[in-house]
């Protein structure tokens, strides 16, 4: 029963019709190794200097399935800064950016819109 929950949570594919147990296990091993490689790549990307602080934090959020806390003093801010190799101030700047009101698009003057035919 626990194994079934693990498979469902990790979205492991069920055996294919007529697939031998050894072949199924080998296929799962390949899938798991690909997942580990994707995770290693994402971890490398969360500290890659070519990525912006916003991108690094988004990668961290995806890896941990968490969102950046809104509170500047939240304990995760320091953890995110460490994991992404950013400063706490850079993480807080991303918090401020996300909390800033969205600027509305400038209105298009009616006389510049072509008439409908």
N, C-alpha and C. Protein backbone atom coordinates (compact mmCIF):
# COMPACT_ATOMS: atom_id res chain seq x y z
N UNK A 1 0.82 -1.18 0.00
CA UNK A 1 0.00 0.00 0.00
C UNK A 1 0.87 1.26 0.00
N UNK A 2 1.90 1.31 0.86
CA UNK A 2 2.80 2.46 0.89
C UNK A 2 3.49 2.63 -0.46
N UNK A 3 3.87 1.51 -1.08
CA UNK A 3 4.55 1.56 -2.36
C UNK A 3 3.63 2.21 -3.40
N UNK A 4 2.34 1.89 -3.38
CA UNK A 4 1.39 2.47 -4.32
C UNK A 4 1.30 3.97 -4.15
N UNK A 5 1.29 4.44 -2.89
CA UNK A 5 1.24 5.88 -2.63
C UNK A 5 2.50 6.55 -3.18
N UNK A 6 3.66 5.91 -2.99
CA UNK A 6 4.92 6.48 -3.48
C UNK A 6 4.88 6.61 -4.99
N UNK A 7 4.42 5.56 -5.65
CA UNK A 7 4.35 5.58 -7.11
C UNK A 7 3.41 6.68 -7.57
N UNK A 8 2.23 6.79 -6.95
CA UNK A 8 1.27 7.83 -7.35
C UNK A 8 1.85 9.21 -7.13
N UNK A 9 2.51 9.43 -5.99
CA UNK A 9 3.07 10.74 -5.69
C UNK A 9 4.15 11.12 -6.70
N UNK A 10 4.97 10.16 -7.07
CA UNK A 10 6.06 10.43 -7.99
C UNK A 10 5.68 10.18 -9.44
N UNK A 11 4.44 9.83 -9.67
CA UNK A 11 3.91 9.64 -11.03
C UNK A 11 4.72 8.63 -11.83
N UNK A 12 5.07 7.53 -11.18
CA UNK A 12 5.79 6.48 -11.86
C UNK A 12 4.79 5.71 -12.73
N UNK A 13 5.20 5.39 -13.94
CA UNK A 13 4.27 4.69 -14.83
C UNK A 13 4.05 3.25 -14.37
N UNK A 14 2.86 2.75 -14.61
CA UNK A 14 2.60 1.34 -14.28
C UNK A 14 3.29 0.43 -15.30
N UNK A 15 3.42 -0.84 -14.97
CA UNK A 15 4.01 -1.77 -15.95
C UNK A 15 3.16 -1.80 -17.22
N UNK A 16 3.83 -1.97 -18.35
CA UNK A 16 3.10 -2.09 -19.62
C UNK A 16 2.62 -3.53 -19.75
N UNK A 17 1.56 -3.71 -20.49
CA UNK A 17 1.00 -5.04 -20.68
C UNK A 17 2.07 -5.98 -21.22
N UNK A 18 2.25 -7.09 -20.55
CA UNK A 18 3.21 -8.09 -20.98
C UNK A 18 4.66 -7.77 -20.65
N UNK A 19 4.91 -6.67 -19.96
CA UNK A 19 6.29 -6.28 -19.63
C UNK A 19 6.81 -7.15 -18.48
N UNK A 20 7.97 -7.71 -18.66
CA UNK A 20 8.58 -8.53 -17.61
C UNK A 20 8.98 -7.64 -16.44
N UNK A 21 8.96 -8.23 -15.23
CA UNK A 21 9.32 -7.46 -14.04
C UNK A 21 10.70 -6.83 -14.16
N UNK A 22 11.65 -7.58 -14.67
CA UNK A 22 13.02 -7.06 -14.81
C UNK A 22 13.05 -5.87 -15.77
N UNK A 23 12.29 -5.96 -16.85
CA UNK A 23 12.24 -4.86 -17.82
C UNK A 23 11.57 -3.63 -17.20
N UNK A 24 10.52 -3.87 -16.41
CA UNK A 24 9.83 -2.77 -15.75
C UNK A 24 10.78 -2.08 -14.77
N UNK A 25 11.49 -2.86 -13.97
CA UNK A 25 12.44 -2.27 -13.02
C UNK A 25 13.54 -1.50 -13.75
N UNK A 26 14.00 -2.02 -14.86
CA UNK A 26 15.03 -1.32 -15.64
C UNK A 26 14.49 -0.01 -16.20
N UNK A 27 13.25 -0.03 -16.68
CA UNK A 27 12.64 1.19 -17.21
C UNK A 27 12.47 2.22 -16.09
N UNK A 28 12.04 1.77 -14.92
CA UNK A 28 11.90 2.69 -13.79
C UNK A 28 13.25 3.27 -13.38
N UNK A 29 14.29 2.47 -13.44
CA UNK A 29 15.63 2.95 -13.08
C UNK A 29 16.07 4.06 -14.03
N UNK A 30 15.77 3.90 -15.30
CA UNK A 30 16.11 4.93 -16.29
C UNK A 30 15.32 6.21 -16.00
N UNK A 31 14.04 6.06 -15.72
CA UNK A 31 13.19 7.23 -15.42
C UNK A 31 13.69 7.94 -14.17
N UNK A 32 14.04 7.19 -13.14
CA UNK A 32 14.54 7.78 -11.90
C UNK A 32 15.88 8.48 -12.12
N UNK A 33 16.75 7.90 -12.91
CA UNK A 33 18.05 8.53 -13.19
C UNK A 33 17.85 9.83 -13.97
N UNK A 34 16.91 9.83 -14.92
CA UNK A 34 16.63 11.06 -15.67
C UNK A 34 16.09 12.14 -14.73
N UNK A 35 15.25 11.76 -13.78
CA UNK A 35 14.72 12.71 -12.80
C UNK A 35 15.83 13.26 -11.92
N UNK A 36 16.74 12.39 -11.49
CA UNK A 36 17.89 12.85 -10.68
C UNK A 36 18.76 13.82 -11.48
N UNK A 37 18.96 13.53 -12.76
CA UNK A 37 19.78 14.41 -13.60
C UNK A 37 19.09 15.76 -13.80
N UNK A 38 17.78 15.77 -14.00
CA UNK A 38 17.05 17.03 -14.12
C UNK A 38 17.20 17.85 -12.84
N UNK A 39 17.11 17.18 -11.70
CA UNK A 39 17.24 17.88 -10.41
C UNK A 39 18.66 18.44 -10.25
N UNK A 40 19.68 17.66 -10.61
CA UNK A 40 21.06 18.16 -10.53
C UNK A 40 21.23 19.40 -11.41
N UNK A 41 20.63 19.36 -12.59
CA UNK A 41 20.71 20.50 -13.51
C UNK A 41 20.02 21.72 -12.90
N UNK A 42 18.84 21.53 -12.34
CA UNK A 42 18.10 22.63 -11.72
C UNK A 42 18.89 23.21 -10.54
N UNK A 43 19.50 22.37 -9.74
CA UNK A 43 20.30 22.85 -8.60
C UNK A 43 21.46 23.68 -9.12
N UNK A 44 22.08 23.24 -10.19
CA UNK A 44 23.18 24.02 -10.77
C UNK A 44 22.67 25.36 -11.31
N UNK A 45 21.47 25.36 -11.90
CA UNK A 45 20.92 26.58 -12.46
C UNK A 45 20.51 27.59 -11.38
N UNK A 46 20.16 27.11 -10.20
CA UNK A 46 19.73 28.05 -9.15
C UNK A 46 20.89 28.85 -8.59
N UNK A 47 22.12 28.48 -8.92
CA UNK A 47 23.28 29.26 -8.48
C UNK A 47 24.07 29.81 -9.67
N UNK A 48 23.62 29.55 -10.88
CA UNK A 48 24.35 29.98 -12.07
C UNK A 48 24.34 31.50 -12.18
N UNK A 49 25.52 32.08 -12.32
CA UNK A 49 25.64 33.54 -12.36
C UNK A 49 24.97 34.17 -13.57
N UNK A 50 24.77 33.41 -14.64
CA UNK A 50 24.11 33.98 -15.81
C UNK A 50 22.60 34.15 -15.59
N UNK A 51 22.06 33.52 -14.55
CA UNK A 51 20.64 33.67 -14.23
C UNK A 51 20.44 34.86 -13.30
N UNK A 52 19.36 35.58 -13.53
CA UNK A 52 19.03 36.72 -12.69
C UNK A 52 18.58 36.22 -11.31
N UNK A 53 18.59 37.09 -10.30
CA UNK A 53 18.05 36.69 -9.00
C UNK A 53 16.61 36.17 -9.13
N UNK A 54 15.80 36.82 -9.95
CA UNK A 54 14.42 36.36 -10.15
C UNK A 54 14.41 34.93 -10.68
N UNK A 55 15.22 34.63 -11.67
CA UNK A 55 15.26 33.28 -12.23
C UNK A 55 15.75 32.28 -11.21
N UNK A 56 16.79 32.62 -10.46
CA UNK A 56 17.32 31.70 -9.45
C UNK A 56 16.27 31.38 -8.40
N UNK A 57 15.55 32.40 -7.97
CA UNK A 57 14.52 32.19 -6.94
C UNK A 57 13.38 31.35 -7.52
N UNK A 58 12.99 31.59 -8.75
CA UNK A 58 11.94 30.78 -9.38
C UNK A 58 12.36 29.32 -9.48
N UNK A 59 13.63 29.07 -9.78
CA UNK A 59 14.13 27.69 -9.83
C UNK A 59 14.07 27.08 -8.43
N UNK A 60 14.49 27.85 -7.42
CA UNK A 60 14.44 27.36 -6.03
C UNK A 60 13.00 27.01 -5.67
N UNK A 61 12.06 27.86 -6.04
CA UNK A 61 10.64 27.61 -5.74
C UNK A 61 10.16 26.32 -6.41
N UNK A 62 10.56 26.14 -7.65
CA UNK A 62 10.15 24.93 -8.38
C UNK A 62 10.74 23.68 -7.74
N UNK A 63 12.03 23.74 -7.38
CA UNK A 63 12.69 22.59 -6.75
C UNK A 63 12.05 22.21 -5.43
N UNK A 64 11.68 23.19 -4.64
CA UNK A 64 11.17 22.94 -3.29
C UNK A 64 9.65 22.97 -3.20
N UNK A 65 9.01 23.27 -4.33
CA UNK A 65 7.54 23.35 -4.38
C UNK A 65 7.02 24.30 -3.30
N UNK A 66 7.71 25.43 -3.15
CA UNK A 66 7.34 26.48 -2.20
C UNK A 66 7.39 27.81 -2.93
N UNK A 67 6.72 28.81 -2.37
CA UNK A 67 6.81 30.13 -2.95
C UNK A 67 7.60 31.05 -2.02
N UNK A 68 8.17 32.06 -2.60
CA UNK A 68 8.92 33.05 -1.84
C UNK A 68 7.99 33.69 -0.82
N UNK A 69 8.35 33.66 0.46
CA UNK A 69 7.49 34.28 1.47
C UNK A 69 7.38 35.78 1.22
N UNK A 70 6.27 36.35 1.63
CA UNK A 70 6.06 37.78 1.46
C UNK A 70 6.73 38.60 2.56
N UNK A 71 6.89 38.00 3.73
CA UNK A 71 7.45 38.70 4.88
C UNK A 71 8.98 38.72 4.77
N UNK A 72 9.56 39.92 4.84
CA UNK A 72 11.01 40.08 4.68
C UNK A 72 11.80 39.38 5.77
N UNK A 73 11.21 39.20 6.94
CA UNK A 73 11.93 38.56 8.05
C UNK A 73 11.65 37.07 8.17
N UNK A 74 10.96 36.51 7.20
CA UNK A 74 10.65 35.08 7.23
C UNK A 74 11.96 34.27 7.22
N UNK A 75 12.06 33.21 8.02
CA UNK A 75 13.30 32.41 8.08
C UNK A 75 13.74 31.83 6.73
N UNK A 76 12.80 31.60 5.82
CA UNK A 76 13.17 31.04 4.51
C UNK A 76 13.99 32.01 3.67
N UNK A 77 13.90 33.29 3.94
CA UNK A 77 14.64 34.27 3.14
C UNK A 77 16.13 33.98 3.19
N UNK A 78 16.66 33.69 4.36
CA UNK A 78 18.09 33.39 4.51
C UNK A 78 18.44 32.06 3.84
N UNK A 79 17.55 31.10 3.94
CA UNK A 79 17.78 29.79 3.32
C UNK A 79 17.80 29.94 1.80
N UNK A 80 16.84 30.69 1.27
CA UNK A 80 16.79 30.91 -0.18
C UNK A 80 18.05 31.63 -0.64
N UNK A 81 18.47 32.63 0.12
CA UNK A 81 19.69 33.37 -0.24
C UNK A 81 20.89 32.42 -0.28
N UNK A 82 21.02 31.57 0.71
CA UNK A 82 22.13 30.61 0.75
C UNK A 82 22.06 29.63 -0.41
N UNK A 83 20.88 29.04 -0.62
CA UNK A 83 20.73 28.02 -1.67
C UNK A 83 20.93 28.58 -3.07
N UNK A 84 20.61 29.85 -3.28
CA UNK A 84 20.73 30.46 -4.61
C UNK A 84 22.02 31.27 -4.76
N UNK A 85 22.82 31.32 -3.69
CA UNK A 85 24.05 32.10 -3.66
C UNK A 85 23.77 33.58 -3.98
N UNK A 86 22.64 34.07 -3.45
CA UNK A 86 22.29 35.49 -3.53
C UNK A 86 22.45 36.09 -2.15
N UNK A 87 22.43 37.39 -2.07
CA UNK A 87 22.44 38.04 -0.77
C UNK A 87 21.00 38.11 -0.25
N UNK A 88 20.86 38.27 1.05
CA UNK A 88 19.53 38.43 1.63
C UNK A 88 18.87 39.66 1.02
N UNK A 89 19.64 40.71 0.77
CA UNK A 89 19.08 41.92 0.16
C UNK A 89 18.54 41.64 -1.24
N UNK A 90 19.21 40.79 -2.01
CA UNK A 90 18.71 40.45 -3.35
C UNK A 90 17.39 39.68 -3.26
N UNK A 91 17.29 38.78 -2.30
CA UNK A 91 16.04 38.03 -2.12
C UNK A 91 14.93 38.99 -1.68
N UNK A 92 15.25 39.89 -0.78
CA UNK A 92 14.24 40.87 -0.32
C UNK A 92 13.83 41.80 -1.45
N UNK A 93 14.75 42.13 -2.34
CA UNK A 93 14.40 42.97 -3.51
C UNK A 93 13.40 42.23 -4.39
N UNK A 94 13.57 40.93 -4.56
CA UNK A 94 12.60 40.14 -5.34
C UNK A 94 11.25 40.12 -4.62
N UNK A 95 11.27 40.05 -3.30
CA UNK A 95 10.01 40.13 -2.54
C UNK A 95 9.32 41.46 -2.83
N UNK A 96 10.07 42.55 -2.76
CA UNK A 96 9.50 43.88 -3.02
C UNK A 96 8.96 43.97 -4.44
N UNK A 97 9.73 43.43 -5.39
CA UNK A 97 9.28 43.48 -6.80
C UNK A 97 7.95 42.77 -6.97
N UNK A 98 7.81 41.62 -6.32
CA UNK A 98 6.57 40.86 -6.44
C UNK A 98 5.40 41.52 -5.73
N UNK A 99 5.69 42.25 -4.67
CA UNK A 99 4.63 42.91 -3.92
C UNK A 99 4.24 44.27 -4.50
N UNK A 100 5.07 44.78 -5.41
CA UNK A 100 4.78 46.09 -6.00
C UNK A 100 3.51 46.02 -6.83
N UNK A 101 2.71 47.09 -6.79
CA UNK A 101 1.49 47.08 -7.60
C UNK A 101 1.84 47.02 -9.09
N UNK A 102 1.01 46.34 -9.83
CA UNK A 102 1.20 46.21 -11.27
C UNK A 102 0.78 47.53 -11.92
N UNK A 103 1.67 48.07 -12.75
CA UNK A 103 1.36 49.32 -13.44
C UNK A 103 0.40 49.03 -14.58
N UNK A 104 -0.70 49.78 -14.66
CA UNK A 104 -1.65 49.53 -15.75
C UNK A 104 -1.06 49.94 -17.09
N UNK A 105 -1.53 49.26 -18.12
CA UNK A 105 -1.11 49.60 -19.48
C UNK A 105 -1.63 50.99 -19.80
N UNK A 106 -0.85 51.80 -20.50
CA UNK A 106 -1.37 53.13 -20.86
C UNK A 106 -2.54 52.99 -21.83
N UNK A 107 -3.52 53.84 -21.63
CA UNK A 107 -4.71 53.80 -22.49
C UNK A 107 -4.35 54.27 -23.89
N UNK A 108 -4.95 53.64 -24.88
CA UNK A 108 -4.74 54.03 -26.27
C UNK A 108 -5.79 55.08 -26.60
N UNK A 109 -5.37 56.26 -27.04
CA UNK A 109 -6.36 57.29 -27.39
C UNK A 109 -7.30 56.79 -28.47
N UNK A 110 -8.59 57.07 -28.31
CA UNK A 110 -9.62 56.58 -29.24
C UNK A 110 -9.36 57.01 -30.68
N UNK A 111 -8.81 58.19 -30.86
CA UNK A 111 -8.61 58.67 -32.23
C UNK A 111 -7.49 57.92 -32.96
N UNK A 112 -6.69 57.12 -32.27
CA UNK A 112 -5.62 56.36 -32.93
C UNK A 112 -6.04 54.93 -33.28
N UNK A 113 -7.23 54.52 -32.83
CA UNK A 113 -7.72 53.18 -33.13
C UNK A 113 -8.46 53.23 -34.46
N UNK A 114 -8.06 52.38 -35.42
CA UNK A 114 -8.74 52.41 -36.72
C UNK A 114 -10.20 51.96 -36.57
N UNK A 115 -11.09 52.50 -37.38
CA UNK A 115 -12.50 52.13 -37.28
C UNK A 115 -12.71 50.70 -37.75
N UNK A 116 -13.73 50.06 -37.19
CA UNK A 116 -14.12 48.70 -37.62
C UNK A 116 -14.93 48.80 -38.90
N UNK A 117 -14.73 47.84 -39.75
CA UNK A 117 -15.49 47.85 -41.02
C UNK A 117 -16.46 46.71 -41.02
